[in-house]
Amino acid sequence: FPTDHPLASVMPQPVDGWDVKVTKSKLDKPLEMHG
């Protein structure tokens, strides 16, 4: 996922026959979302 425009909310939908792993990283500049 792009780091120049990070997305605060990323939620994969389960897919039959596939395992999913979400990797998060610290942001250089914090985002503000819903206060």
Full PDB file with SEQRES, HELIX, SHEET, SSBOND, CRYST1, ORIGX, SCALE, CONECT and MASTER records, all heavy atoms in Angstrom:
SEQRES   1 A   35  PHE PRO THR ASP HIS PRO LEU ALA SER VAL MET PRO GLN          
SEQRES   2 A   35  PRO VAL ASP GLY TRP ASP VAL LYS VAL THR LYS SER LYS          
SEQRES   3 A   35  LEU ASP LYS PRO LEU GLU MET HIS GLY                          
CRYST1    1.000    1.000    1.000  90.00  90.00  90.00 P 1           1          
ORIGX1      1.000000  0.000000  0.000000        0.00000                         
ORIGX2      0.000000  1.000000  0.000000        0.00000                         
ORIGX3      0.000000  0.000000  1.000000        0.00000                         
SCALE1      1.000000  0.000000  0.000000        0.00000                         
SCALE2      0.000000  1.000000  0.000000        0.00000                         
SCALE3      0.000000  0.000000  1.000000        0.00000                         
ATOM      1  N   PHE A   1       0.836  -1.195   0.000  1.00  0.00           N  
ATOM      2  CA  PHE A   1       0.000   0.000   0.000  1.00  0.00           C  
ATOM      3  C   PHE A   1       0.875   1.250   0.000  1.00  0.00           C  
ATOM      4  O   PHE A   1       1.975   1.248   0.551  1.00  0.00           O  
ATOM      5  CB  PHE A   1      -0.938  -0.012   1.203  1.00  0.00           C  
ATOM      6  CG  PHE A   1      -2.131  -0.905   1.022  1.00  0.00           C  
ATOM      7  CD1 PHE A   1      -1.977  -2.280   0.910  1.00  0.00           C  
ATOM      8  CD2 PHE A   1      -3.415  -0.384   0.930  1.00  0.00           C  
ATOM      9  CE1 PHE A   1      -3.070  -3.112   0.710  1.00  0.00           C  
ATOM     10  CE2 PHE A   1      -4.510  -1.202   0.734  1.00  0.00           C  
ATOM     11  CZ  PHE A   1      -4.344  -2.572   0.623  1.00  0.00           C  
ATOM     12  N   PRO A   2       0.379   2.319  -0.625  1.00  0.00           N  
ATOM     13  CA  PRO A   2       1.200   3.529  -0.773  1.00  0.00           C  
ATOM     14  C   PRO A   2       1.545   4.160   0.566  1.00  0.00           C  
ATOM     15  O   PRO A   2       0.703   4.274   1.451  1.00  0.00           O  
ATOM     16  CB  PRO A   2       0.308   4.460  -1.616  1.00  0.00           C  
ATOM     17  CG  PRO A   2      -1.082   3.962  -1.403  1.00  0.00           C  
ATOM     18  CD  PRO A   2      -0.968   2.485  -1.217  1.00  0.00           C  
ATOM     19  N   THR A   3       2.779   4.590   0.691  1.00  0.00           N  
ATOM     20  CA  THR A   3       3.231   5.259   1.914  1.00  0.00           C  
ATOM     21  C   THR A   3       3.186   6.776   1.772  1.00  0.00           C  
ATOM     22  O   THR A   3       3.235   7.493   2.775  1.00  0.00           O  
ATOM     23  CB  THR A   3       4.660   4.820   2.271  1.00  0.00           C  
ATOM     24  OG1 THR A   3       5.523   5.067   1.143  1.00  0.00           O  
ATOM     25  CG2 THR A   3       4.704   3.337   2.607  1.00  0.00           C  
ATOM     26  N   ASP A   4       3.107   7.259   0.511  1.00  0.00           N  
ATOM     27  CA  ASP A   4       3.008   8.704   0.327  1.00  0.00           C  
ATOM     28  C   ASP A   4       1.599   9.204   0.649  1.00  0.00           C  
ATOM     29  O   ASP A   4       1.414  10.368   1.000  1.00  0.00           O  
ATOM     30  CB  ASP A   4       3.406   9.096  -1.097  1.00  0.00           C  
ATOM     31  CG  ASP A   4       2.621   8.344  -2.158  1.00  0.00           C  
ATOM     32  OD1 ASP A   4       2.026   7.291  -1.826  1.00  0.00           O  
ATOM     33  OD2 ASP A   4       2.599   8.802  -3.314  1.00  0.00           O  
ATOM     34  N   HIS A   5       0.616   8.302   0.541  1.00  0.00           N  
ATOM     35  CA  HIS A   5      -0.757   8.614   0.936  1.00  0.00           C  
ATOM     36  C   HIS A   5      -1.295   7.433   1.753  1.00  0.00           C  
ATOM     37  O   HIS A   5      -2.108   6.644   1.260  1.00  0.00           O  
ATOM     38  CB  HIS A   5      -1.644   8.857  -0.283  1.00  0.00           C  
ATOM     39  CG  HIS A   5      -1.275  10.070  -1.071  1.00  0.00           C  
ATOM     40  ND1 HIS A   5      -1.521  11.347  -0.620  1.00  0.00           N  
ATOM     41  CD2 HIS A   5      -0.665  10.204  -2.269  1.00  0.00           C  
ATOM     42  CE1 HIS A   5      -1.084  12.218  -1.516  1.00  0.00           C  
ATOM     43  NE2 HIS A   5      -0.567  11.554  -2.519  1.00  0.00           N  
ATOM     44  N   PRO A   6      -0.837   7.288   2.998  1.00  0.00           N  
ATOM     45  CA  PRO A   6      -1.242   6.133   3.808  1.00  0.00           C  
ATOM     46  C   PRO A   6      -2.741   6.135   4.087  1.00  0.00           C  
ATOM     47  O   PRO A   6      -3.365   7.187   4.217  1.00  0.00           O  
ATOM     48  CB  PRO A   6      -0.428   6.299   5.093  1.00  0.00           C  
ATOM     49  CG  PRO A   6      -0.094   7.758   5.156  1.00  0.00           C  
ATOM     50  CD  PRO A   6       0.059   8.205   3.741  1.00  0.00           C  
ATOM     51  N   LEU A   7      -3.300   4.937   4.178  1.00  0.00           N  
ATOM     52  CA  LEU A   7      -4.724   4.770   4.444  1.00  0.00           C  
ATOM     53  C   LEU A   7      -4.914   4.297   5.878  1.00  0.00           C  
ATOM     54  O   LEU A   7      -4.364   3.268   6.276  1.00  0.00           O  
ATOM     55  CB  LEU A   7      -5.325   3.758   3.460  1.00  0.00           C  
ATOM     56  CG  LEU A   7      -5.188   4.143   1.982  1.00  0.00           C  
ATOM     57  CD1 LEU A   7      -5.631   2.994   1.089  1.00  0.00           C  
ATOM     58  CD2 LEU A   7      -5.982   5.404   1.680  1.00  0.00           C  
ATOM     59  N   ALA A   8      -5.681   5.050   6.636  1.00  0.00           N  
ATOM     60  CA  ALA A   8      -5.859   4.732   8.058  1.00  0.00           C  
ATOM     61  C   ALA A   8      -6.699   3.484   8.265  1.00  0.00           C  
ATOM     62  O   ALA A   8      -6.530   2.762   9.243  1.00  0.00           O  
ATOM     63  CB  ALA A   8      -6.499   5.920   8.779  1.00  0.00           C  
ATOM     64  N   SER A   9      -7.624   3.222   7.339  1.00  0.00           N  
ATOM     65  CA  SER A   9      -8.505   2.064   7.474  1.00  0.00           C  
ATOM     66  C   SER A   9      -8.337   1.139   6.274  1.00  0.00           C  
ATOM     67  O   SER A   9      -8.583   1.541   5.127  1.00  0.00           O  
ATOM     68  CB  SER A   9      -9.968   2.521   7.575  1.00  0.00           C  
ATOM     69  OG  SER A   9     -10.842   1.403   7.596  1.00  0.00           O  
ATOM     70  N   VAL A  10      -7.890  -0.080   6.529  1.00  0.00           N  
ATOM     71  CA  VAL A  10      -7.746  -1.112   5.490  1.00  0.00           C  
ATOM     72  C   VAL A  10      -8.265  -2.418   6.074  1.00  0.00           C  
ATOM     73  O   VAL A  10      -7.680  -2.964   7.015  1.00  0.00           O  
ATOM     74  CB  VAL A  10      -6.272  -1.273   5.051  1.00  0.00           C  
ATOM     75  CG1 VAL A  10      -6.135  -2.424   4.062  1.00  0.00           C  
ATOM     76  CG2 VAL A  10      -5.742   0.017   4.454  1.00  0.00           C  
ATOM     77  N   MET A  11      -9.370  -2.909   5.515  1.00  0.00           N  
ATOM     78  CA  MET A  11      -9.983  -4.137   6.035  1.00  0.00           C  
ATOM     79  C   MET A  11     -10.265  -5.116   4.902  1.00  0.00           C  
ATOM     80  O   MET A  11     -11.183  -4.904   4.103  1.00  0.00           O  
ATOM     81  CB  MET A  11     -11.276  -3.804   6.782  1.00  0.00           C  
ATOM     82  CG  MET A  11     -11.070  -2.965   8.038  1.00  0.00           C  
ATOM     83  SD  MET A  11     -12.625  -2.677   8.954  1.00  0.00           S  
ATOM     84  CE  MET A  11     -13.488  -1.587   7.812  1.00  0.00           C  
ATOM     85  N   PRO A  12      -9.473  -6.201   4.805  1.00  0.00           N  
ATOM     86  CA  PRO A  12      -9.716  -7.184   3.749  1.00  0.00           C  
ATOM     87  C   PRO A  12     -10.979  -8.000   4.033  1.00  0.00           C  
ATOM     88  O   PRO A  12     -11.311  -8.276   5.191  1.00  0.00           O  
ATOM     89  CB  PRO A  12      -8.474  -8.087   3.803  1.00  0.00           C  
ATOM     90  CG  PRO A  12      -7.472  -7.342   4.632  1.00  0.00           C  
ATOM     91  CD  PRO A  12      -8.263  -6.494   5.575  1.00  0.00           C  
ATOM     92  N   GLN A  13     -11.681  -8.361   2.988  1.00  0.00           N  
ATOM     93  CA  GLN A  13     -12.824  -9.262   3.116  1.00  0.00           C  
ATOM     94  C   GLN A  13     -12.316 -10.693   3.009  1.00  0.00           C  
ATOM     95  O   GLN A  13     -11.493 -10.989   2.146  1.00  0.00           O  
ATOM     96  CB  GLN A  13     -13.837  -8.990   1.997  1.00  0.00           C  
ATOM     97  CG  GLN A  13     -15.058  -9.904   2.043  1.00  0.00           C  
ATOM     98  CD  GLN A  13     -16.058  -9.543   0.958  1.00  0.00           C  
ATOM     99  OE1 GLN A  13     -16.331  -8.373   0.726  1.00  0.00           O  
ATOM    100  NE2 GLN A  13     -16.596 -10.544   0.279  1.00  0.00           N  
ATOM    101  N   PRO A  14     -12.785 -11.604   3.876  1.00  0.00           N  
ATOM    102  CA  PRO A  14     -12.330 -12.992   3.790  1.00  0.00           C  
ATOM    103  C   PRO A  14     -12.608 -13.592   2.411  1.00  0.00           C  
ATOM    104  O   PRO A  14     -13.657 -13.338   1.813  1.00  0.00           O  
ATOM    105  CB  PRO A  14     -13.145 -13.702   4.873  1.00  0.00           C  
ATOM    106  CG  PRO A  14     -13.520 -12.614   5.832  1.00  0.00           C  
ATOM    107  CD  PRO A  14     -13.725 -11.389   4.995  1.00  0.00           C  
ATOM    108  N   VAL A  15     -11.655 -14.377   1.909  1.00  0.00           N  
ATOM    109  CA  VAL A  15     -11.793 -15.057   0.628  1.00  0.00           C  
ATOM    110  C   VAL A  15     -11.621 -16.551   0.870  1.00  0.00           C  
ATOM    111  O   VAL A  15     -10.609 -16.977   1.446  1.00  0.00           O  
ATOM    112  CB  VAL A  15     -10.741 -14.556  -0.390  1.00  0.00           C  
ATOM    113  CG1 VAL A  15     -10.867 -15.314  -1.713  1.00  0.00           C  
ATOM    114  CG2 VAL A  15     -10.894 -13.058  -0.626  1.00  0.00           C  
ATOM    115  N   ASP A  16     -12.606 -17.335   0.457  1.00  0.00           N  
ATOM    116  CA  ASP A  16     -12.541 -18.783   0.668  1.00  0.00           C  
ATOM    117  C   ASP A  16     -11.284 -19.365   0.031  1.00  0.00           C  
ATOM    118  O   ASP A  16     -10.948 -19.072  -1.119  1.00  0.00           O  
ATOM    119  CB  ASP A  16     -13.774 -19.461   0.056  1.00  0.00           C  
ATOM    120  CG  ASP A  16     -15.050 -19.147   0.822  1.00  0.00           C  
ATOM    121  OD1 ASP A  16     -14.942 -18.724   1.992  1.00  0.00           O  
ATOM    122  OD2 ASP A  16     -16.149 -19.320   0.257  1.00  0.00           O  
ATOM    123  N   GLY A  17     -10.591 -20.191   0.801  1.00  0.00           N  
ATOM    124  CA  GLY A  17      -9.397 -20.857   0.288  1.00  0.00           C  
ATOM    125  C   GLY A  17      -8.122 -20.053   0.418  1.00  0.00           C  
ATOM    126  O   GLY A  17      -7.076 -20.497  -0.057  1.00  0.00           O  
ATOM    127  N   TRP A  18      -8.207 -18.894   1.077  1.00  0.00           N  
ATOM    128  CA  TRP A  18      -7.028 -18.029   1.209  1.00  0.00           C  
ATOM    129  C   TRP A  18      -6.893 -17.511   2.633  1.00  0.00           C  
ATOM    130  O   TRP A  18      -7.871 -17.110   3.251  1.00  0.00           O  
ATOM    131  CB  TRP A  18      -7.127 -16.837   0.255  1.00  0.00           C  
ATOM    132  CG  TRP A  18      -7.085 -17.231  -1.186  1.00  0.00           C  
ATOM    133  CD1 TRP A  18      -8.122 -17.715  -1.932  1.00  0.00           C  
ATOM    134  CD2 TRP A  18      -5.954 -17.185  -2.046  1.00  0.00           C  
ATOM    135  NE1 TRP A  18      -7.700 -17.972  -3.208  1.00  0.00           N  
ATOM    136  CE2 TRP A  18      -6.376 -17.656  -3.308  1.00  0.00           C  
ATOM    137  CE3 TRP A  18      -4.626 -16.780  -1.883  1.00  0.00           C  
ATOM    138  CZ2 TRP A  18      -5.506 -17.735  -4.396  1.00  0.00           C  
ATOM    139  CZ3 TRP A  18      -3.757 -16.860  -2.961  1.00  0.00           C  
ATOM    140  CH2 TRP A  18      -4.202 -17.335  -4.208  1.00  0.00           C  
ATOM    141  N   ASP A  19      -5.656 -17.528   3.140  1.00  0.00           N  
ATOM    142  CA  ASP A  19      -5.327 -16.892   4.412  1.00  0.00           C  
ATOM    143  C   ASP A  19      -4.837 -15.480   4.127  1.00  0.00           C  
ATOM    144  O   ASP A  19      -4.135 -15.246   3.130  1.00  0.00           O  
ATOM    145  CB  ASP A  19      -4.229 -17.676   5.146  1.00  0.00           C  
ATOM    146  CG  ASP A  19      -4.699 -19.063   5.569  1.00  0.00           C  
ATOM    147  OD1 ASP A  19      -5.889 -19.204   5.920  1.00  0.00           O  
ATOM    148  OD2 ASP A  19      -3.892 -20.002   5.515  1.00  0.00           O  
ATOM    149  N   VAL A  20      -5.191 -14.533   4.989  1.00  0.00           N  
ATOM    150  CA  VAL A  20      -4.794 -13.151   4.766  1.00  0.00           C  
ATOM    151  C   VAL A  20      -4.018 -12.623   5.966  1.00  0.00           C  
ATOM    152  O   VAL A  20      -4.347 -12.912   7.120  1.00  0.00           O  
ATOM    153  CB  VAL A  20      -6.030 -12.258   4.482  1.00  0.00           C  
ATOM    154  CG1 VAL A  20      -6.992 -12.270   5.664  1.00  0.00           C  
ATOM    155  CG2 VAL A  20      -5.611 -10.840   4.132  1.00  0.00           C  
ATOM    156  N   LYS A  21      -2.986 -11.854   5.678  1.00  0.00           N  
ATOM    157  CA  LYS A  21      -2.171 -11.241   6.715  1.00  0.00           C  
ATOM    158  C   LYS A  21      -2.044  -9.749   6.420  1.00  0.00           C  
ATOM    159  O   LYS A  21      -1.705  -9.354   5.300  1.00  0.00           O  
ATOM    160  CB  LYS A  21      -0.772 -11.875   6.754  1.00  0.00           C  
ATOM    161  CG  LYS A  21       0.163 -11.239   7.784  1.00  0.00           C  
ATOM    162  CD  LYS A  21       1.548 -11.851   7.725  1.00  0.00           C  
ATOM    163  CE  LYS A  21       2.497 -11.167   8.710  1.00  0.00           C  
ATOM    164  NZ  LYS A  21       3.883 -11.734   8.626  1.00  0.00           N  
ATOM    165  N   VAL A  22      -2.323  -8.937   7.428  1.00  0.00           N  
ATOM    166  CA  VAL A  22      -2.239  -7.482   7.294  1.00  0.00           C  
ATOM    167  C   VAL A  22      -1.009  -6.985   8.045  1.00  0.00           C  
ATOM    168  O   VAL A  22      -0.840  -7.266   9.239  1.00  0.00           O  
ATOM    169  CB  VAL A  22      -3.504  -6.801   7.839  1.00  0.00           C  
ATOM    170  CG1 VAL A  22      -3.370  -5.287   7.751  1.00  0.00           C  
ATOM    171  CG2 VAL A  22      -4.738  -7.267   7.063  1.00  0.00           C  
ATOM    172  N   THR A  23      -0.145  -6.249   7.358  1.00  0.00           N  
ATOM    173  CA  THR A  23       1.077  -5.725   7.954  1.00  0.00           C  
ATOM    174  C   THR A  23       0.972  -4.221   8.143  1.00  0.00           C  
ATOM    175  O   THR A  23       0.649  -3.489   7.199  1.00  0.00           O  
ATOM    176  CB  THR A  23       2.297  -6.029   7.057  1.00  0.00           C  
ATOM    177  OG1 THR A  23       2.402  -7.438   6.859  1.00  0.00           O  
ATOM    178  CG2 THR A  23       3.578  -5.512   7.695  1.00  0.00           C  
ATOM    179  N   LYS A  24       1.221  -3.762   9.369  1.00  0.00           N  
ATOM    180  CA  LYS A  24       1.171  -2.334   9.673  1.00  0.00           C  
ATOM    181  C   LYS A  24       2.575  -1.808   9.969  1.00  0.00           C  
ATOM    182  O   LYS A  24       3.428  -2.531  10.455  1.00  0.00           O  
ATOM    183  CB  LYS A  24       0.259  -2.071  10.872  1.00  0.00           C  
ATOM    184  CG  LYS A  24      -1.213  -2.340  10.609  1.00  0.00           C  
ATOM    185  CD  LYS A  24      -2.063  -1.953  11.813  1.00  0.00           C  
ATOM    186  CE  LYS A  24      -3.544  -2.151  11.543  1.00  0.00           C  
ATOM    187  NZ  LYS A  24      -4.377  -1.735  12.694  1.00  0.00           N  
ATOM    188  N   SER A  25       2.772  -0.527   9.691  1.00  0.00           N  
ATOM    189  CA  SER A  25       4.053   0.113   9.964  1.00  0.00           C  
ATOM    190  C   SER A  25       3.820   1.498  10.569  1.00  0.00           C  
ATOM    191  O   SER A  25       2.769   2.106  10.364  1.00  0.00           O  
ATOM    192  CB  SER A  25       4.878   0.248   8.679  1.00  0.00           C  
ATOM    193  OG  SER A  25       5.131  -1.021   8.111  1.00  0.00           O  
ATOM    194  N   LYS A  26       4.810   1.974  11.320  1.00  0.00           N  
ATOM    195  CA  LYS A  26       4.729   3.300  11.913  1.00  0.00           C  
ATOM    196  C   LYS A  26       4.794   4.377  10.837  1.00  0.00           C  
ATOM    197  O   LYS A  26       5.520   4.243   9.850  1.00  0.00           O  
ATOM    198  CB  LYS A  26       5.870   3.503  12.915  1.00  0.00           C  
ATOM    199  CG  LYS A  26       5.749   2.686  14.190  1.00  0.00           C  
ATOM    200  CD  LYS A  26       4.659   3.250  15.092  1.00  0.00           C  
ATOM    201  CE  LYS A  26       4.613   2.506  16.421  1.00  0.00           C  
ATOM    202  NZ  LYS A  26       3.557   3.055  17.308  1.00  0.00           N  
ATOM    203  N   LEU A  27       4.042   5.428  11.035  1.00  0.00           N  
ATOM    204  CA  LEU A  27       4.019   6.530  10.083  1.00  0.00           C  
ATOM    205  C   LEU A  27       4.981   7.623  10.515  1.00  0.00           C  
ATOM    206  O   LEU A  27       5.101   7.931  11.705  1.00  0.00           O  
ATOM    207  CB  LEU A  27       2.612   7.117   9.973  1.00  0.00           C  
ATOM    208  CG  LEU A  27       1.522   6.172   9.454  1.00  0.00           C  
ATOM    209  CD1 LEU A  27       0.169   6.875   9.507  1.00  0.00           C  
ATOM    210  CD2 LEU A  27       1.831   5.720   8.037  1.00  0.00           C  
ATOM    211  N   ASP A  28       5.663   8.205   9.539  1.00  0.00           N  
ATOM    212  CA  ASP A  28       6.538   9.331   9.844  1.00  0.00           C  
ATOM    213  C   ASP A  28       5.717  10.542  10.295  1.00  0.00           C  
ATOM    214  O   ASP A  28       6.132  11.307  11.156  1.00  0.00           O  
ATOM    215  CB  ASP A  28       7.372   9.700   8.609  1.00  0.00           C  
ATOM    216  CG  ASP A  28       8.350   8.591   8.226  1.00  0.00           C  
ATOM    217  OD1 ASP A  28       8.747   7.826   9.130  1.00  0.00           O  
ATOM    218  OD2 ASP A  28       8.686   8.485   7.032  1.00  0.00           O  
ATOM    219  N   LYS A  29       4.533  10.666   9.686  1.00  0.00           N  
ATOM    220  CA  LYS A  29       3.634  11.763  10.031  1.00  0.00           C  
ATOM    221  C   LYS A  29       2.270  11.185  10.393  1.00  0.00           C  
ATOM    222  O   LYS A  29       1.592  10.603   9.547  1.00  0.00           O  
ATOM    223  CB  LYS A  29       3.497  12.728   8.856  1.00  0.00           C  
ATOM    224  CG  LYS A  29       2.645  13.947   9.157  1.00  0.00           C  
ATOM    225  CD  LYS A  29       2.580  14.876   7.950  1.00  0.00           C  
ATOM    226  CE  LYS A  29       1.717  16.096   8.256  1.00  0.00           C  
ATOM    227  NZ  LYS A  29       1.638  17.007   7.080  1.00  0.00           N  
ATOM    228  N   PRO A  30       1.856  11.279  11.665  1.00  0.00           N  
ATOM    229  CA  PRO A  30       0.567  10.699  12.096  1.00  0.00           C  
ATOM    230  C   PRO A  30      -0.610  11.267  11.321  1.00  0.00           C  
ATOM    231  O   PRO A  30      -0.593  12.409  10.868  1.00  0.00           O  
ATOM    232  CB  PRO A  30       0.491  11.078  13.581  1.00  0.00           C  
ATOM    233  CG  PRO A  30       1.900  11.308  13.992  1.00  0.00           C  
ATOM    234  CD  PRO A  30       2.575  11.900  12.782  1.00  0.00           C  
ATOM    235  N   LEU A  31      -1.650  10.425  11.154  1.00  0.00           N  
ATOM    236  CA  LEU A  31      -2.881  10.835  10.498  1.00  0.00           C  
ATOM    237  C   LEU A  31      -3.935  11.173  11.548  1.00  0.00           C  
ATOM    238  O   LEU A  31      -3.868  10.700  12.682  1.00  0.00           O  
ATOM    239  CB  LEU A  31      -3.407   9.710   9.598  1.00  0.00           C  
ATOM    240  CG  LEU A  31      -2.523   9.244   8.439  1.00  0.00           C  
ATOM    241  CD1 LEU A  31      -3.177   8.049   7.759  1.00  0.00           C  
ATOM    242  CD2 LEU A  31      -2.298  10.367   7.446  1.00  0.00           C  
ATOM    243  N   GLU A  32      -4.906  11.982  11.133  1.00  0.00           N  
ATOM    244  CA  GLU A  32      -6.027  12.276  12.024  1.00  0.00           C  
ATOM    245  C   GLU A  32      -7.306  11.764  11.370  1.00  0.00           C  
ATOM    246  O   GLU A  32      -7.621  12.094  10.229  1.00  0.00           O  
ATOM    247  CB  GLU A  32      -6.133  13.778  12.281  1.00  0.00           C  
ATOM    248  CG  GLU A  32      -7.156  14.101  13.363  1.00  0.00           C  
ATOM    249  CD  GLU A  32      -7.059  15.533  13.857  1.00  0.00           C  
ATOM    250  OE1 GLU A  32      -5.927  16.058  13.948  1.00  0.00           O  
ATOM    251  OE2 GLU A  32      -8.115  16.116  14.159  1.00  0.00           O  
ATOM    252  N   MET A  33      -8.049  10.923  12.114  1.00  0.00           N  
ATOM    253  CA  MET A  33      -9.249  10.309  11.564  1.00  0.00           C  
ATOM    254  C   MET A  33     -10.321  10.285  12.632  1.00  0.00           C  
ATOM    255  O   MET A  33     -10.125   9.718  13.707  1.00  0.00           O  
ATOM    256  CB  MET A  33      -8.935   8.878  11.080  1.00  0.00           C  
ATOM    257  CG  MET A  33     -10.107   8.140  10.477  1.00  0.00           C  
ATOM    258  SD  MET A  33      -9.601   6.497   9.890  1.00  0.00           S  
ATOM    259  CE  MET A  33     -11.184   5.873   9.341  1.00  0.00           C  
ATOM    260  N   HIS A  34     -11.460  10.925  12.338  1.00  0.00           N  
ATOM    261  CA  HIS A  34     -12.572  10.998  13.277  1.00  0.00           C  
ATOM    262  C   HIS A  34     -12.126  11.546  14.633  1.00  0.00           C  
ATOM    263  O   HIS A  34     -12.518  11.063  15.688  1.00  0.00           O  
ATOM    264  CB  HIS A  34     -13.208   9.626  13.467  1.00  0.00           C  
ATOM    265  CG  HIS A  34     -13.670   9.007  12.177  1.00  0.00           C  
ATOM    266  ND1 HIS A  34     -14.537   9.617  11.310  1.00  0.00           N  
ATOM    267  CD2 HIS A  34     -13.362   7.803  11.613  1.00  0.00           C  
ATOM    268  CE1 HIS A  34     -14.761   8.827  10.271  1.00  0.00           C  
ATOM    269  NE2 HIS A  34     -14.050   7.724  10.422  1.00  0.00           N  
ATOM    270  N   GLY A  35     -11.259  12.555  14.575  1.00  0.00           N  
ATOM    271  CA  GLY A  35     -10.809  13.206  15.793  1.00  0.00           C  
ATOM    272  C   GLY A  35      -9.723  12.462  16.546  1.00  0.00           C  
ATOM    273  O   GLY A  35      -9.314  12.893  17.617  1.00  0.00           O  
TER     274      GLY A  35                                                      
MASTER        0    0    0    0    0    0    0    6  273    1    0    3          
END                                                                             
